[in-house]
C-alpha atoms as a PDB file:
ATOM      1  CA  MET A   1     -60.030 -91.998 -54.485  1.00  0.00           C
ATOM      2  CA  ARG A   2     -61.372 -90.764 -51.151  1.00  0.00           C
ATOM      3  CA  TYR A   3     -58.025 -91.535 -49.527  1.00  0.00           C
ATOM      4  CA  LEU A   4     -56.197 -89.604 -52.233  1.00  0.00           C
ATOM      5  CA  ILE A   5     -58.402 -86.544 -51.729  1.00  0.00           C
ATOM      6  CA  PHE A   6     -57.832 -86.656 -47.951  1.00  0.00           C
ATOM      7  CA  ILE A   7     -54.068 -86.775 -48.350  1.00  0.00           C
ATOM      8  CA  ILE A   8     -54.057 -83.806 -50.727  1.00  0.00           C
ATOM      9  CA  ILE A   9     -56.163 -81.676 -48.367  1.00  0.00           C
ATOM     10  CA  PHE A  10     -54.098 -82.620 -45.305  1.00  0.00           C
ATOM     11  CA  THR A  11     -50.851 -81.761 -47.045  1.00  0.00           C
ATOM     12  CA  SER A  12     -52.179 -78.434 -48.261  1.00  0.00           C
ATOM     13  CA  VAL A  13     -53.249 -77.295 -44.774  1.00  0.00           C
ATOM     14  CA  ASN A  14     -49.840 -78.084 -43.320  1.00  0.00           C
ATOM     15  CA  ALA A  15     -48.107 -76.415 -46.235  1.00  0.00           C
ATOM     16  CA  ILE A  16     -50.005 -73.195 -45.523  1.00  0.00           C
ATOM     17  CA  GLY A  17     -48.887 -73.296 -41.870  1.00  0.00           C
ATOM     18  CA  SER A  18     -45.249 -73.864 -42.747  1.00  0.00           C
ATOM     19  CA  THR A  19     -44.926 -71.264 -45.517  1.00  0.00           C
ATOM     20  CA  LEU A  20     -46.718 -68.269 -44.009  1.00  0.00           C
ATOM     21  CA  ASN A  21     -44.364 -65.548 -42.804  1.00  0.00           C
ATOM     22  CA  PHE A  22     -43.502 -65.439 -39.113  1.00  0.00           C
ATOM     23  CA  ASN A  23     -44.043 -62.175 -37.249  1.00  0.00           C
ATOM     24  CA  ASP A  24     -42.295 -61.012 -34.081  1.00  0.00           C
ATOM     25  CA  LYS A  25     -44.580 -60.783 -31.047  1.00  0.00           C
ATOM     26  CA  GLU A  26     -44.106 -59.310 -27.574  1.00  0.00           C
ATOM     27  CA  GLN A  27     -46.247 -59.126 -24.479  1.00  0.00           C
ATOM     28  CA  ILE A  28     -45.400 -57.543 -21.108  1.00  0.00           C
ATOM     29  CA  PHE A  29     -47.091 -58.416 -17.814  1.00  0.00           C
ATOM     30  CA  ASN A  30     -46.650 -55.900 -15.003  1.00  0.00           C
ATOM     31  CA  TYR A  31     -48.231 -56.012 -11.530  1.00  0.00           C
ATOM     32  CA  SER A  32     -47.949 -53.406  -8.802  1.00  0.00           C
ATOM     33  CA  SER A  33     -47.884 -55.840  -5.889  1.00  0.00           C
ATOM     34  CA  TYR A  34     -47.511 -59.466  -4.828  1.00  0.00           C
ATOM     35  CA  HIS A  35     -51.247 -59.603  -4.194  1.00  0.00           C
ATOM     36  CA  GLU A  36     -52.110 -58.383  -7.716  1.00  0.00           C
ATOM     37  CA  ALA A  37     -49.710 -60.897  -9.285  1.00  0.00           C
ATOM     38  CA  SER A  38     -51.153 -63.751  -7.214  1.00  0.00           C
ATOM     39  CA  LYS A  39     -54.716 -62.922  -8.316  1.00  0.00           C
ATOM     40  CA  SER A  40     -53.915 -62.580 -12.014  1.00  0.00           C
ATOM     41  CA  GLY A  41     -54.754 -65.215 -14.602  1.00  0.00           C
ATOM     42  CA  SER A  42     -51.358 -64.698 -16.248  1.00  0.00           C
ATOM     43  CA  TYR A  43     -48.464 -65.470 -13.931  1.00  0.00           C
ATOM     44  CA  VAL A  44     -45.083 -67.024 -13.274  1.00  0.00           C
ATOM     45  CA  ARG A  45     -45.138 -68.699  -9.861  1.00  0.00           C
ATOM     46  CA  PHE A  46     -42.763 -70.816  -7.806  1.00  0.00           C
ATOM     47  CA  ASP A  47     -43.724 -72.965  -4.797  1.00  0.00           C
ATOM     48  CA  MET A  48     -41.014 -73.600  -2.217  1.00  0.00           C
ATOM     49  CA  ASN A  49     -40.285 -74.530   1.383  1.00  0.00           C
ATOM     50  CA  SER A  50     -37.897 -72.694   3.679  1.00  0.00           C
ATOM     51  CA  SER A  51     -36.529 -73.820   7.031  1.00  0.00           C
ATOM     52  CA  LEU A  52     -34.891 -72.122   9.994  1.00  0.00           C
ATOM     53  CA  LEU A  53     -32.192 -73.961  11.925  1.00  0.00           C
ATOM     54  CA  GLY A  54     -33.194 -77.105  10.058  1.00  0.00           C
ATOM     55  CA  PHE A  55     -36.510 -77.799  11.787  1.00  0.00           C
ATOM     56  CA  ILE A  56     -38.919 -74.832  11.471  1.00  0.00           C
ATOM     57  CA  THR A  57     -40.417 -75.230   7.992  1.00  0.00           C
ATOM     58  CA  ALA A  58     -42.681 -72.848   6.088  1.00  0.00           C
ATOM     59  CA  HIS A  59     -44.306 -73.282   2.679  1.00  0.00           C
ATOM     60  CA  PHE A  60     -44.623 -70.244   0.444  1.00  0.00           C
ATOM     61  CA  SER A  61     -45.363 -69.198  -3.133  1.00  0.00           C
ATOM     62  CA  GLY A  62     -43.460 -66.504  -4.986  1.00  0.00           C
ATOM     63  CA  TYR A  63     -44.552 -64.556  -8.067  1.00  0.00           C
ATOM     64  CA  ALA A  64     -42.886 -62.521 -10.784  1.00  0.00           C
ATOM     65  CA  LYS A  65     -44.450 -59.056 -10.598  1.00  0.00           C
ATOM     66  CA  ASN A  66     -43.034 -58.305 -14.014  1.00  0.00           C
ATOM     67  CA  PHE A  67     -42.192 -60.600 -16.918  1.00  0.00           C
ATOM     68  CA  LYS A  68     -42.037 -60.393 -20.686  1.00  0.00           C
ATOM     69  CA  LEU A  69     -42.784 -62.819 -23.495  1.00  0.00           C
ATOM     70  CA  ASN A  70     -41.143 -62.759 -26.916  1.00  0.00           C
ATOM     71  CA  TRP A  71     -42.100 -65.181 -29.683  1.00  0.00           C
ATOM     72  CA  MET A  72     -42.621 -65.588 -33.413  1.00  0.00           C
ATOM     73  CA  SER A  73     -45.888 -66.779 -34.927  1.00  0.00           C
ATOM     74  CA  ASN A  74     -47.449 -67.316 -38.337  1.00  0.00           C
ATOM     75  CA  GLY A  75     -50.927 -68.000 -36.964  1.00  0.00           C
ATOM     76  CA  TYR A  76     -50.441 -71.770 -36.994  1.00  0.00           C
ATOM     77  CA  VAL A  77     -47.061 -72.277 -35.334  1.00  0.00           C
ATOM     78  CA  VAL A  78     -45.094 -70.551 -32.550  1.00  0.00           C
ATOM     79  CA  LYS A  79     -41.305 -70.647 -32.333  1.00  0.00           C
ATOM     80  CA  ASP A  80     -38.544 -68.977 -30.310  1.00  0.00           C
ATOM     81  CA  LEU A  81     -40.837 -68.472 -27.309  1.00  0.00           C
ATOM     82  CA  GLN A  82     -38.873 -66.707 -24.589  1.00  0.00           C
ATOM     83  CA  ILE A  83     -39.882 -65.799 -21.029  1.00  0.00           C
ATOM     84  CA  ILE A  84     -37.805 -63.019 -19.454  1.00  0.00           C
ATOM     85  CA  ILE A  85     -38.097 -62.453 -15.700  1.00  0.00           C
ATOM     86  CA  PRO A  86     -36.280 -59.533 -14.026  1.00  0.00           C
ATOM     87  CA  VAL A  87     -34.922 -60.827 -10.706  1.00  0.00           C
ATOM     88  CA  GLN A  88     -35.741 -57.558  -8.924  1.00  0.00           C
ATOM     89  CA  PHE A  89     -39.460 -58.176  -9.519  1.00  0.00           C
ATOM     90  CA  MET A  90     -39.549 -61.665  -7.993  1.00  0.00           C
ATOM     91  CA  ASP A  91     -41.525 -61.432  -4.739  1.00  0.00           C
ATOM     92  CA  THR A  92     -42.189 -63.951  -1.946  1.00  0.00           C
ATOM     93  CA  ASP A  93     -44.501 -61.655   0.109  1.00  0.00           C
ATOM     94  CA  LYS A  94     -41.889 -61.372   2.883  1.00  0.00           C
ATOM     95  CA  ASP A  95     -39.175 -58.743   2.542  1.00  0.00           C
ATOM     96  CA  SER A  96     -36.348 -60.623   4.287  1.00  0.00           C
ATOM     97  CA  ARG A  97     -37.056 -63.828   2.355  1.00  0.00           C
ATOM     98  CA  THR A  98     -37.355 -61.972  -0.959  1.00  0.00           C
ATOM     99  CA  GLU A  99     -34.040 -60.203  -0.338  1.00  0.00           C
ATOM    100  CA  GLU A 100     -32.341 -63.487   0.530  1.00  0.00           C
ATOM    101  CA  MET A 101     -33.620 -65.051  -2.682  1.00  0.00           C
ATOM    102  CA  GLN A 102     -32.652 -62.100  -4.888  1.00  0.00           C
ATOM    103  CA  VAL A 103     -29.251 -61.399  -3.309  1.00  0.00           C
ATOM    104  CA  ASP A 104     -27.957 -64.740  -2.004  1.00  0.00           C
ATOM    105  CA  CYS A 105     -29.647 -67.258  -4.313  1.00  0.00           C
ATOM    106  CA  LEU A 106     -29.804 -65.390  -7.627  1.00  0.00           C
ATOM    107  CA  GLU A 107     -26.973 -62.840  -7.197  1.00  0.00           C
ATOM    108  CA  PHE A 108     -29.071 -59.980  -8.503  1.00  0.00           C
ATOM    109  CA  SER A 109     -26.123 -57.547  -8.461  1.00  0.00           C
ATOM    110  CA  LYS A 110     -24.446 -59.603 -11.215  1.00  0.00           C
ATOM    111  CA  PHE A 111     -27.331 -61.244 -13.069  1.00  0.00           C
ATOM    112  CA  LYS A 112     -30.414 -59.118 -13.718  1.00  0.00           C
ATOM    113  CA  ASN A 113     -32.705 -61.540 -15.553  1.00  0.00           C
ATOM    114  CA  ILE A 114     -33.818 -65.151 -15.679  1.00  0.00           C
ATOM    115  CA  THR A 115     -34.670 -66.323 -19.184  1.00  0.00           C
ATOM    116  CA  VAL A 116     -36.371 -69.478 -20.395  1.00  0.00           C
ATOM    117  CA  LYS A 117     -36.358 -70.126 -24.142  1.00  0.00           C
ATOM    118  CA  ILE A 118     -38.374 -72.765 -25.975  1.00  0.00           C
ATOM    119  CA  ASN A 119     -37.172 -72.995 -29.559  1.00  0.00           C
ATOM    120  CA  GLY A 120     -40.120 -74.968 -30.857  1.00  0.00           C
ATOM    121  CA  PRO A 121     -41.751 -75.102 -33.297  1.00  0.00           C
ATOM    122  CA  ILE A 122     -44.994 -75.448 -31.322  1.00  0.00           C
ATOM    123  CA  GLU A 123     -48.122 -76.150 -33.337  1.00  0.00           C
ATOM    124  CA  LEU A 124     -51.075 -74.152 -32.060  1.00  0.00           C
ATOM    125  CA  LYS A 125     -53.649 -76.795 -31.291  1.00  0.00           C
ATOM    126  CA  LYS A 126     -55.431 -77.917 -28.143  1.00  0.00           C
ATOM    127  CA  GLY A 127     -53.595 -80.494 -26.062  1.00  0.00           C
ATOM    128  CA  LYS A 128     -50.285 -81.202 -24.359  1.00  0.00           C
ATOM    129  CA  VAL A 129     -46.996 -80.623 -26.189  1.00  0.00           C
ATOM    130  CA  PRO A 130     -43.610 -81.948 -24.966  1.00  0.00           C
ATOM    131  CA  VAL A 131     -40.915 -79.275 -25.230  1.00  0.00           C
ATOM    132  CA  VAL A 132     -37.254 -78.768 -24.437  1.00  0.00           C
ATOM    133  CA  ALA A 133     -36.280 -75.392 -22.990  1.00  0.00           C
ATOM    134  CA  THR A 134     -33.035 -73.649 -22.118  1.00  0.00           C
ATOM    135  CA  ALA A 135     -33.071 -71.779 -18.805  1.00  0.00           C
ATOM    136  CA  THR A 136     -30.392 -69.148 -18.178  1.00  0.00           C
ATOM    137  CA  ILE A 137     -29.963 -68.425 -14.473  1.00  0.00           C
ATOM    138  CA  ARG A 138     -26.944 -66.675 -12.942  1.00  0.00           C
ATOM    139  CA  GLY A 139     -25.396 -66.632 -16.405  1.00  0.00           C
ATOM    140  CA  LYS A 140     -25.423 -70.417 -16.736  1.00  0.00           C
ATOM    141  CA  GLU A 141     -27.600 -72.516 -19.018  1.00  0.00           C
ATOM    142  CA  SER A 142     -29.514 -75.638 -18.047  1.00  0.00           C
ATOM    143  CA  THR A 143     -31.929 -77.835 -19.996  1.00  0.00           C
ATOM    144  CA  LEU A 144     -35.528 -78.351 -18.917  1.00  0.00           C
ATOM    145  CA  LYS A 145     -37.962 -80.906 -20.343  1.00  0.00           C
ATOM    146  CA  PHE A 146     -41.670 -80.543 -19.674  1.00  0.00           C
ATOM    147  CA  LYS A 147     -45.094 -80.374 -21.322  1.00  0.00           C
ATOM    148  CA  LEU A 148     -47.060 -77.297 -22.331  1.00  0.00           C
ATOM    149  CA  THR A 149     -50.836 -77.360 -22.152  1.00  0.00           C
ATOM    150  CA  LEU A 150     -52.498 -75.360 -24.949  1.00  0.00           C
ATOM    151  CA  GLU A 151     -56.113 -74.250 -25.004  1.00  0.00           C
ATOM    152  CA  LYS A 152     -57.863 -71.600 -27.088  1.00  0.00           C
ATOM    153  CA  LEU A 153     -59.885 -69.106 -25.055  1.00  0.00           C
ATOM    154  CA  LEU A 154     -61.586 -65.950 -26.357  1.00  0.00           C
ATOM    155  CA  GLY A 155     -59.496 -65.922 -29.509  1.00  0.00           C
ATOM    156  CA  GLN A 156     -56.182 -66.316 -27.696  1.00  0.00           C
ATOM    157  CA  TRP A 157     -54.035 -69.332 -26.879  1.00  0.00           C
ATOM    158  CA  GLN A 158     -53.631 -70.094 -23.201  1.00  0.00           C
ATOM    159  CA  VAL A 159     -50.242 -71.662 -22.449  1.00  0.00           C
ATOM    160  CA  SER A 160     -49.602 -73.301 -19.091  1.00  0.00           C
ATOM    161  CA  SER A 161     -47.288 -75.757 -17.414  1.00  0.00           C
ATOM    162  CA  GLN A 162     -45.893 -76.867 -14.094  1.00  0.00           C
ATOM    163  CA  LEU A 163     -42.622 -78.632 -13.500  1.00  0.00           C
ATOM    164  CA  PRO A 164     -40.676 -79.848 -10.472  1.00  0.00           C
ATOM    165  CA  VAL A 165     -37.004 -78.888 -10.386  1.00  0.00           C
ATOM    166  CA  ARG A 166     -34.104 -78.837  -7.945  1.00  0.00           C
ATOM    167  CA  LEU A 167     -32.296 -75.596  -7.148  1.00  0.00           C
ATOM    168  CA  SER A 168     -28.886 -77.111  -7.850  1.00  0.00           C
ATOM    169  CA  ASP A 169     -30.052 -78.413 -11.248  1.00  0.00           C
ATOM    170  CA  ILE A 170     -30.910 -74.897 -12.442  1.00  0.00           C
ATOM    171  CA  ASN A 171     -27.862 -73.106 -11.001  1.00  0.00           C
ATOM    172  CA  ILE A 172     -29.558 -71.454  -8.019  1.00  0.00           C
ATOM    173  CA  LEU A 173     -27.443 -71.083  -4.884  1.00  0.00           C
ATOM    174  CA  ASN A 174     -28.751 -72.167  -1.491  1.00  0.00           C
ATOM    175  CA  PRO A 175     -27.674 -69.618   1.150  1.00  0.00           C
ATOM    176  CA  THR A 176     -27.637 -72.150   3.984  1.00  0.00           C
ATOM    177  CA  ILE A 177     -24.123 -73.129   2.889  1.00  0.00           C
ATOM    178  CA  ALA A 178     -22.897 -69.617   3.578  1.00  0.00           C
ATOM    179  CA  LYS A 179     -25.069 -68.573   6.532  1.00  0.00           C
ATOM    180  CA  GLY A 180     -25.961 -71.832   8.231  1.00  0.00           C
ATOM    181  CA  LEU A 181     -29.293 -70.536   9.587  1.00  0.00           C
ATOM    182  CA  ALA A 182     -32.137 -70.261   7.077  1.00  0.00           C
ATOM    183  CA  SER A 183     -32.314 -72.278   3.889  1.00  0.00           C
ATOM    184  CA  PHE A 184     -34.583 -73.068   0.970  1.00  0.00           C
ATOM    185  CA  ASP A 185     -35.553 -76.642   0.214  1.00  0.00           C
ATOM    186  CA  GLU A 186     -33.867 -78.030  -2.885  1.00  0.00           C
ATOM    187  CA  ASN A 187     -37.190 -79.047  -4.443  1.00  0.00           C
ATOM    188  CA  VAL A 188     -39.151 -76.311  -6.207  1.00  0.00           C
ATOM    189  CA  ARG A 189     -42.307 -76.380  -8.293  1.00  0.00           C
ATOM    190  CA  ILE A 190     -42.481 -73.810 -11.103  1.00  0.00           C
ATOM    191  CA  LEU A 191     -45.849 -72.916 -12.620  1.00  0.00           C
ATOM    192  CA  PHE A 192     -46.777 -70.501 -15.369  1.00  0.00           C
ATOM    193  CA  ASN A 193     -49.934 -69.551 -17.178  1.00  0.00           C
ATOM    194  CA  PHE A 194     -50.447 -66.868 -19.810  1.00  0.00           C
ATOM    195  CA  ARG A 195     -52.294 -66.109 -23.028  1.00  0.00           C
ATOM    196  CA  ILE A 196     -50.659 -65.232 -26.312  1.00  0.00           C
ATOM    197  CA  LYS A 197     -52.139 -63.736 -29.456  1.00  0.00           C
ATOM    198  CA  ASN A 198     -51.650 -65.170 -32.921  1.00  0.00           C
END
């Protein structure tokens, strides 16, 4: 009888989560400078290496000074989580390098935004959740597989992840082919951390 009672309660809780109406949510993060973005607890960051003439290498981190989140939630589950990053607000803290990334790598004049969409559903509970996302960069889609880390802090859900990717795998051009002088390393580490409300 105790097992029967447990099963009934467990099913009822999940039924509540699946039948509650989903509401559209939106959150915008906007920073005035590279420094402010780098000090914020909510960020989209990318770690890269660049080289000059093939032997002078520098490590750097870039940040999105502006990005937007869209998602749907019923208080128990999140779905259709989308991260939208305007290319013009991606900053590497060095003007010439930022311009090269925006113009030569991401073709900002043609493609204004980078989007990453995780369809879900994602159950809101503490732990790591494997997800499949679709990234749209330079108008082309690519599939990313990684894990989200969820943790509840001050009544909000903190969502974070980091994933290694290659530029060519996510449709980002490497300007060394065209210019032959400076280039970005193919290997990039993308990190993000933000809080969302139920």
